[in-house]
Amino acid sequence: MAIPCGQEAGNSTAAPGNAEALWHLARDGMVRNQIEARGVRDPRVLAAMRDVPRHRFVPGQLAAEAHADRPLPIGAGQTISQPYIVAAMAEALELTGSERVLEVGSGSGYMAAVLSALSREVYAVELEPELAERAARTLAELGCPNVRMRCGDGSLGWPEPAPYDAIMVSCAAPFIPPALWEQLAEGGRITLPMGPPDATQELILARKTAAGSRIDRLMAVAFVPLRLPSDR
């Protein structure tokens, strides 16, 4: 029987005994002090942030810092996003649990795990083979049966399961990649940190309508750039 994503599976890397209770307390404090305090209100998003074991998605030597109010390095020049940003982006998509979601730039798989608790299906794309393999392994250990992981060029999306009700781009780009817009269903939403690399970007929420698009600007952010295979 699959364990709902965010519940610890019985495996050799899970924290035993009272340690897991301490991790849960750390997540609860993270949600209360960093996420609710900044205005995230969706109860499903808050529950997912409390349930998904963030410490499992960072390198072991950084586990004690997993719930800090900042991004952390995960290898290959990539980062796991600040907890508040993860929650705010997830809330912006207004997921109800019935959606098919694409995530681009999955990194450690943490955002995919959060999205798995909020939607019906998650398709996650990560360029770096090492990160994609590690993310897939962690998601499998935690029991996230509705997440599929692919190593590849995120700017091309994942066309076979399209259209998607929502797309989350977890890396910065100067514009919405055309392939992603094409794979978004009418009425769908996409969040994207828009702007140049190595500078402050603007997190946008774009809605695909019959008449074209509607774009809302949410906040200033700083993300690693969306890269192509030639950038490795």
Protein backbone atom coordinates (compact mmCIF):
# COMPACT_ATOMS: atom_id res chain seq x y z
CA MET A 1 0.00 0.00 0.00
CA ALA A 2 1.41 3.40 -0.99
CA ILE A 3 2.10 5.84 1.82
CA PRO A 4 0.61 9.31 1.10
CA CYS A 5 3.37 11.66 0.02
CA GLY A 6 4.71 13.45 3.07
CA GLN A 7 4.28 10.52 5.45
CA GLU A 8 7.57 8.87 6.37
CA ALA A 9 8.03 5.41 4.87
CA GLY A 10 9.79 2.71 6.81
CA ASN A 11 13.26 2.94 5.28
CA SER A 12 16.79 3.20 6.55
CA THR A 13 17.06 6.97 6.00
CA ALA A 14 13.93 7.96 7.92
CA ALA A 15 14.58 9.56 11.32
CA PRO A 16 13.68 7.06 14.08
CA GLY A 17 11.63 7.53 17.25
CA ASN A 18 11.47 10.97 18.77
CA ALA A 19 13.58 12.47 16.00
CA GLU A 20 10.62 12.39 13.60
CA ALA A 21 8.48 14.22 16.16
CA LEU A 22 11.17 16.91 16.31
CA TRP A 23 11.15 17.21 12.51
CA HIS A 24 7.37 17.66 12.64
CA LEU A 25 7.75 20.41 15.24
CA ALA A 26 10.33 22.11 13.02
CA ARG A 27 7.92 22.04 10.07
CA ASP A 28 5.09 23.36 12.21
CA GLY A 29 7.26 26.28 13.32
CA MET A 30 8.31 26.90 9.72
CA VAL A 31 4.68 27.12 8.60
CA ARG A 32 3.56 29.26 11.54
CA ASN A 33 6.46 31.73 11.56
CA GLN A 34 7.47 31.97 7.90
CA ILE A 35 4.41 31.08 5.83
CA GLU A 36 1.22 31.91 7.72
CA ALA A 37 2.89 35.03 9.13
CA ARG A 38 3.43 36.28 5.56
CA GLY A 39 -0.15 35.78 4.49
CA VAL A 40 -0.48 32.31 2.95
CA ARG A 41 -3.97 31.16 3.93
CA ASP A 42 -4.92 28.13 1.77
CA PRO A 43 -5.42 25.35 4.35
CA ARG A 44 -4.45 22.63 1.87
CA VAL A 45 -1.15 24.37 1.10
CA LEU A 46 -0.43 24.86 4.81
CA ALA A 47 -1.17 21.19 5.49
CA ALA A 48 1.12 20.06 2.66
CA MET A 49 3.94 22.25 3.95
CA ARG A 50 3.50 20.73 7.41
CA ASP A 51 3.36 17.15 6.11
CA VAL A 52 6.11 16.95 3.46
CA PRO A 53 9.45 16.20 5.20
CA ARG A 54 11.57 19.01 3.77
CA HIS A 55 14.73 17.68 5.45
CA ARG A 56 14.60 14.63 3.17
CA PHE A 57 15.07 16.84 0.09
CA VAL A 58 18.33 18.55 1.11
CA PRO A 59 21.83 17.05 1.31
CA GLY A 60 22.33 15.23 4.60
CA GLN A 61 24.86 17.71 5.96
CA LEU A 62 22.26 20.49 5.58
CA ALA A 63 19.32 18.64 7.15
CA ALA A 64 19.51 20.73 10.33
CA GLU A 65 19.07 23.88 8.19
CA ALA A 66 16.22 22.49 6.08
CA HIS A 67 13.55 24.69 7.67
CA ALA A 68 15.54 27.93 7.63
CA ASP A 69 13.99 30.99 5.98
CA ARG A 70 16.22 30.84 2.91
CA PRO A 71 17.05 28.69 -0.12
CA LEU A 72 19.69 25.98 0.28
CA PRO A 73 22.14 24.41 -2.19
CA ILE A 74 21.27 20.90 -3.37
CA GLY A 75 24.17 20.30 -5.77
CA ALA A 76 24.80 20.89 -9.50
CA GLY A 77 24.58 24.65 -8.89
CA GLN A 78 20.88 24.40 -7.98
CA THR A 79 18.87 25.25 -4.85
CA ILE A 80 15.76 24.24 -2.94
CA SER A 81 13.57 27.33 -2.69
CA GLN A 82 12.83 29.24 0.50
CA PRO A 83 9.79 27.65 2.24
CA TYR A 84 7.62 30.77 1.93
CA ILE A 85 8.23 31.00 -1.81
CA VAL A 86 7.28 27.33 -2.27
CA ALA A 87 4.01 27.90 -0.38
CA ALA A 88 3.20 31.19 -2.13
CA MET A 89 3.73 29.70 -5.60
CA ALA A 90 1.62 26.68 -4.73
CA GLU A 91 -1.18 28.86 -3.37
CA ALA A 92 -1.14 31.05 -6.48
CA LEU A 93 -2.06 28.06 -8.65
CA GLU A 94 -5.37 27.64 -6.73
CA LEU A 95 -5.23 23.85 -6.86
CA THR A 96 -8.28 21.87 -5.72
CA GLY A 97 -6.95 18.31 -6.03
CA SER A 98 -8.33 17.43 -9.47
CA GLU A 99 -5.60 18.97 -11.63
CA ARG A 100 -2.83 17.62 -13.83
CA VAL A 101 0.26 19.74 -13.04
CA LEU A 102 3.63 20.17 -14.75
CA GLU A 103 6.65 21.35 -12.78
CA VAL A 104 9.73 22.58 -14.62
CA GLY A 105 13.07 22.64 -12.80
CA SER A 106 12.17 20.12 -10.13
CA GLY A 107 15.62 20.04 -8.50
CA SER A 108 15.43 17.96 -5.33
CA GLY A 109 11.77 17.06 -5.90
CA TYR A 110 10.47 19.01 -2.90
CA MET A 111 8.03 21.17 -4.83
CA ALA A 112 6.81 18.09 -6.70
CA ALA A 113 6.09 16.44 -3.34
CA VAL A 114 4.12 19.49 -2.18
CA LEU A 115 2.20 19.59 -5.47
CA SER A 116 1.45 15.87 -5.20
CA ALA A 117 -0.56 16.58 -2.05
CA LEU A 118 -2.51 19.33 -3.84
CA SER A 119 -3.30 17.83 -7.25
CA ARG A 120 -4.28 14.64 -9.04
CA GLU A 121 -1.14 14.13 -11.17
CA VAL A 122 2.28 15.79 -11.19
CA TYR A 123 4.78 15.59 -14.05
CA ALA A 124 8.20 16.93 -13.02
CA VAL A 125 11.12 17.73 -15.34
CA GLU A 126 14.71 18.26 -14.19
CA LEU A 127 17.72 18.89 -16.44
CA GLU A 128 20.46 17.49 -14.18
CA PRO A 129 20.54 13.66 -14.24
CA GLU A 130 21.97 13.42 -10.73
CA LEU A 131 19.22 15.61 -9.26
CA ALA A 132 16.46 13.91 -11.26
CA GLU A 133 17.61 10.47 -10.08
CA ARG A 134 17.89 11.58 -6.46
CA ALA A 135 14.49 13.30 -6.56
CA ALA A 136 12.81 10.25 -8.07
CA ARG A 137 14.36 8.04 -5.38
CA THR A 138 13.26 10.32 -2.53
CA LEU A 139 9.72 10.62 -3.90
CA ALA A 140 9.51 6.84 -4.22
CA GLU A 141 10.77 6.33 -0.66
CA LEU A 142 8.14 8.73 0.67
CA GLY A 143 5.38 7.17 -1.39
CA CYS A 144 4.26 9.74 -3.97
CA PRO A 145 2.52 7.52 -6.55
CA ASN A 146 0.97 10.43 -8.45
CA VAL A 147 4.36 12.00 -9.36
CA ARG A 148 6.26 11.16 -12.55
CA MET A 149 9.83 12.40 -12.97
CA ARG A 150 11.71 12.98 -16.23
CA CYS A 151 15.26 14.13 -16.87
CA GLY A 152 15.23 16.57 -19.77
CA ASP A 153 14.92 20.08 -21.16
CA GLY A 154 12.26 21.80 -19.09
CA SER A 155 11.71 24.54 -21.68
CA LEU A 156 10.11 21.86 -23.86
CA GLY A 157 7.78 20.73 -21.09
CA TRP A 158 6.41 17.19 -21.20
CA PRO A 159 4.10 17.08 -24.22
CA GLU A 160 2.71 13.53 -24.02
CA PRO A 161 0.44 14.03 -20.94
CA ALA A 162 -0.56 17.60 -21.94
CA PRO A 163 -2.68 19.65 -21.61
CA TYR A 164 -1.98 20.69 -18.03
CA ASP A 165 -4.36 22.54 -15.74
CA ALA A 166 -1.41 24.24 -14.06
CA ILE A 167 2.30 24.66 -14.71
CA MET A 168 4.88 25.73 -12.15
CA VAL A 169 8.26 26.89 -13.42
CA SER A 170 10.74 26.67 -10.55
CA CYS A 171 13.52 28.55 -12.36
CA ALA A 172 13.77 31.98 -13.96
CA ALA A 173 13.20 32.79 -17.62
CA PRO A 174 12.90 36.07 -19.56
CA PHE A 175 9.54 34.94 -20.98
CA ILE A 176 7.14 32.01 -20.84
CA PRO A 177 8.64 29.28 -23.07
CA PRO A 178 6.27 28.77 -26.04
CA ALA A 179 6.12 25.01 -25.56
CA LEU A 180 4.88 25.45 -21.99
CA TRP A 181 2.16 27.90 -23.05
CA GLU A 182 1.07 25.49 -25.77
CA GLN A 183 0.82 22.64 -23.24
CA LEU A 184 -1.31 24.70 -20.84
CA ALA A 185 -5.05 24.03 -21.05
CA GLU A 186 -7.45 26.89 -21.68
CA GLY A 187 -8.34 28.25 -18.26
CA GLY A 188 -5.03 26.95 -16.90
CA ARG A 189 -2.52 28.86 -14.77
CA ILE A 190 1.25 29.11 -14.90
CA THR A 191 3.61 30.60 -12.32
CA LEU A 192 7.04 31.74 -13.49
CA PRO A 193 9.88 33.87 -12.09
CA MET A 194 10.29 36.24 -15.04
CA GLY A 195 13.49 38.17 -15.58
CA PRO A 196 17.21 37.89 -16.29
CA PRO A 197 19.52 35.46 -14.50
CA ASP A 198 21.67 36.68 -11.60
CA ALA A 199 19.21 39.49 -10.85
CA THR A 200 15.91 40.02 -9.10
CA GLN A 201 13.01 38.62 -11.08
CA GLU A 202 9.25 39.11 -10.85
CA LEU A 203 7.04 36.16 -9.99
CA ILE A 204 4.08 36.21 -12.35
CA LEU A 205 0.83 34.28 -12.53
CA ALA A 206 -0.45 33.94 -16.10
CA ARG A 207 -3.91 32.61 -16.95
CA LYS A 208 -4.68 31.22 -20.39
CA THR A 209 -8.03 32.48 -21.64
CA ALA A 210 -10.00 32.18 -24.83
CA ALA A 211 -9.01 35.76 -25.58
CA GLY A 212 -5.30 35.23 -24.87
CA SER A 213 -3.82 35.70 -21.43
CA ARG A 214 -4.09 37.59 -18.17
CA ILE A 215 -0.92 38.23 -16.20
CA ASP A 216 -0.70 39.17 -12.52
CA ARG A 217 2.57 40.27 -10.94
CA LEU A 218 2.96 38.75 -7.50
CA MET A 219 6.31 39.62 -5.92
CA ALA A 220 10.03 40.10 -6.43
CA VAL A 221 12.02 36.84 -6.30
CA ALA A 222 15.49 35.49 -7.05
CA PHE A 223 15.70 32.07 -8.77
CA VAL A 224 18.39 30.14 -10.58
CA PRO A 225 17.89 30.41 -14.36
CA LEU A 226 16.06 27.97 -16.60
CA ARG A 227 18.87 26.18 -18.42
CA LEU A 228 19.11 24.21 -21.63
CA PRO A 229 21.12 21.02 -22.16
CA SER A 230 23.85 23.11 -23.85
CA ASP A 231 24.25 25.10 -20.58
CA ARG A 232 25.57 22.10 -18.64
